[in-house]
Amino acid sequence: MRNAISRLLATGGWSDAELARRTGLDRAHVNQLKNGRALPTVATALAIARALGVSVAVAFPPGSSVRRTRRVHR
């Protein structure tokens, strides 16, 4: 399932690198946010929403969360 950031980037034809450039964020961090492996700070959420031209609620809709990964302990 794609999250809102992933859909917005695809709709705009933007890459992770383009969003990173427009927000001043690291590309790897943008990728983590896009793939649900990290949550943004308020400042980061605002920067991403501004860059994409949408509200924070559109970029990070209520109920969206970090994808949890299971770790295997040996």
C-alpha atoms as a PDB file:
ATOM      1  CA  MET A   1       0.000   0.000   0.000  1.00  0.00           C
ATOM      2  CA  ARG A   2       1.362   3.406  -0.967  1.00  0.00           C
ATOM      3  CA  ASN A   3       1.137   6.270   1.492  1.00  0.00           C
ATOM      4  CA  ALA A   4       0.122   9.841   0.689  1.00  0.00           C
ATOM      5  CA  ILE A   5       3.701  11.065   0.150  1.00  0.00           C
ATOM      6  CA  SER A   6       4.369   8.276  -2.311  1.00  0.00           C
ATOM      7  CA  ARG A   7       1.138   9.058  -4.208  1.00  0.00           C
ATOM      8  CA  LEU A   8       1.832  12.807  -4.245  1.00  0.00           C
ATOM      9  CA  LEU A   9       5.335  12.276  -5.586  1.00  0.00           C
ATOM     10  CA  ALA A  10       4.052   9.953  -8.300  1.00  0.00           C
ATOM     11  CA  THR A  11       1.275  12.374  -9.255  1.00  0.00           C
ATOM     12  CA  GLY A  12       3.742  15.255  -9.533  1.00  0.00           C
ATOM     13  CA  GLY A  13       6.347  13.157 -11.320  1.00  0.00           C
ATOM     14  CA  TRP A  14       8.839  13.882  -8.551  1.00  0.00           C
ATOM     15  CA  SER A  15      11.586  11.606  -7.295  1.00  0.00           C
ATOM     16  CA  ASP A  16      12.720  11.293  -3.702  1.00  0.00           C
ATOM     17  CA  ALA A  17      15.757  13.351  -4.703  1.00  0.00           C
ATOM     18  CA  GLU A  18      13.566  16.186  -6.015  1.00  0.00           C
ATOM     19  CA  LEU A  19      11.545  16.371  -2.792  1.00  0.00           C
ATOM     20  CA  ALA A  20      14.777  16.245  -0.805  1.00  0.00           C
ATOM     21  CA  ARG A  21      16.199  19.118  -2.862  1.00  0.00           C
ATOM     22  CA  ARG A  22      13.061  21.230  -2.425  1.00  0.00           C
ATOM     23  CA  THR A  23      12.877  20.632   1.325  1.00  0.00           C
ATOM     24  CA  GLY A  24      16.550  20.527   2.263  1.00  0.00           C
ATOM     25  CA  LEU A  25      16.127  17.023   3.666  1.00  0.00           C
ATOM     26  CA  ASP A  26      18.380  14.056   3.083  1.00  0.00           C
ATOM     27  CA  ARG A  27      17.147  11.836   0.232  1.00  0.00           C
ATOM     28  CA  ALA A  28      17.411   8.732   2.404  1.00  0.00           C
ATOM     29  CA  HIS A  29      15.176  10.352   5.036  1.00  0.00           C
ATOM     30  CA  VAL A  30      12.622  11.302   2.372  1.00  0.00           C
ATOM     31  CA  ASN A  31      12.666   7.666   1.249  1.00  0.00           C
ATOM     32  CA  GLN A  32      12.067   6.474   4.824  1.00  0.00           C
ATOM     33  CA  LEU A  33       9.117   8.852   5.194  1.00  0.00           C
ATOM     34  CA  LYS A  34       7.708   7.868   1.819  1.00  0.00           C
ATOM     35  CA  ASN A  35       7.937   4.171   2.632  1.00  0.00           C
ATOM     36  CA  GLY A  36       6.490   4.504   6.130  1.00  0.00           C
ATOM     37  CA  ARG A  37       9.680   3.615   7.981  1.00  0.00           C
ATOM     38  CA  ALA A  38       9.880   6.962   9.829  1.00  0.00           C
ATOM     39  CA  LEU A  39       7.617   9.682  11.158  1.00  0.00           C
ATOM     40  CA  PRO A  40       8.381  13.328  10.407  1.00  0.00           C
ATOM     41  CA  THR A  41       8.919  16.061  12.950  1.00  0.00           C
ATOM     42  CA  VAL A  42       6.424  18.913  12.792  1.00  0.00           C
ATOM     43  CA  ALA A  43       8.983  21.050  10.936  1.00  0.00           C
ATOM     44  CA  THR A  44       9.641  18.268   8.425  1.00  0.00           C
ATOM     45  CA  ALA A  45       5.920  17.647   7.868  1.00  0.00           C
ATOM     46  CA  LEU A  46       5.393  21.360   7.238  1.00  0.00           C
ATOM     47  CA  ALA A  47       8.354  21.538   4.833  1.00  0.00           C
ATOM     48  CA  ILE A  48       7.126  18.527   2.851  1.00  0.00           C
ATOM     49  CA  ALA A  49       3.550  19.783   2.682  1.00  0.00           C
ATOM     50  CA  ARG A  50       4.753  23.226   1.565  1.00  0.00           C
ATOM     51  CA  ALA A  51       7.004  21.751  -1.111  1.00  0.00           C
ATOM     52  CA  LEU A  52       4.189  19.564  -2.433  1.00  0.00           C
ATOM     53  CA  GLY A  53       1.662  22.407  -2.306  1.00  0.00           C
ATOM     54  CA  VAL A  54      -0.755  20.562  -0.041  1.00  0.00           C
ATOM     55  CA  SER A  55      -1.832  20.759   3.582  1.00  0.00           C
ATOM     56  CA  VAL A  56      -0.138  18.675   6.252  1.00  0.00           C
ATOM     57  CA  ALA A  57      -3.409  16.751   6.609  1.00  0.00           C
ATOM     58  CA  VAL A  58      -3.187  15.728   2.944  1.00  0.00           C
ATOM     59  CA  ALA A  59       0.505  14.807   3.087  1.00  0.00           C
ATOM     60  CA  PHE A  60       0.140  13.004   6.426  1.00  0.00           C
ATOM     61  CA  PRO A  61      -3.536  12.042   6.772  1.00  0.00           C
ATOM     62  CA  PRO A  62      -4.965  11.228  10.190  1.00  0.00           C
ATOM     63  CA  GLY A  63      -4.484   7.568  10.952  1.00  0.00           C
ATOM     64  CA  SER A  64      -1.359   7.206   8.839  1.00  0.00           C
ATOM     65  CA  SER A  65       1.480   5.671  10.749  1.00  0.00           C
ATOM     66  CA  VAL A  66       4.880   4.118  10.525  1.00  0.00           C
ATOM     67  CA  ARG A  67       4.956   0.658   9.042  1.00  0.00           C
ATOM     68  CA  ARG A  68       6.167  -1.650  11.732  1.00  0.00           C
ATOM     69  CA  THR A  69       8.774  -4.197  10.810  1.00  0.00           C
ATOM     70  CA  ARG A  70       9.229  -7.386  12.743  1.00  0.00           C
ATOM     71  CA  ARG A  71      12.664  -8.106  13.974  1.00  0.00           C
ATOM     72  CA  VAL A  72      13.776 -11.623  14.487  1.00  0.00           C
ATOM     73  CA  HIS A  73      15.757 -12.138  17.653  1.00  0.00           C
ATOM     74  CA  ARG A  74      18.145 -15.035  17.652  1.00  0.00           C
END
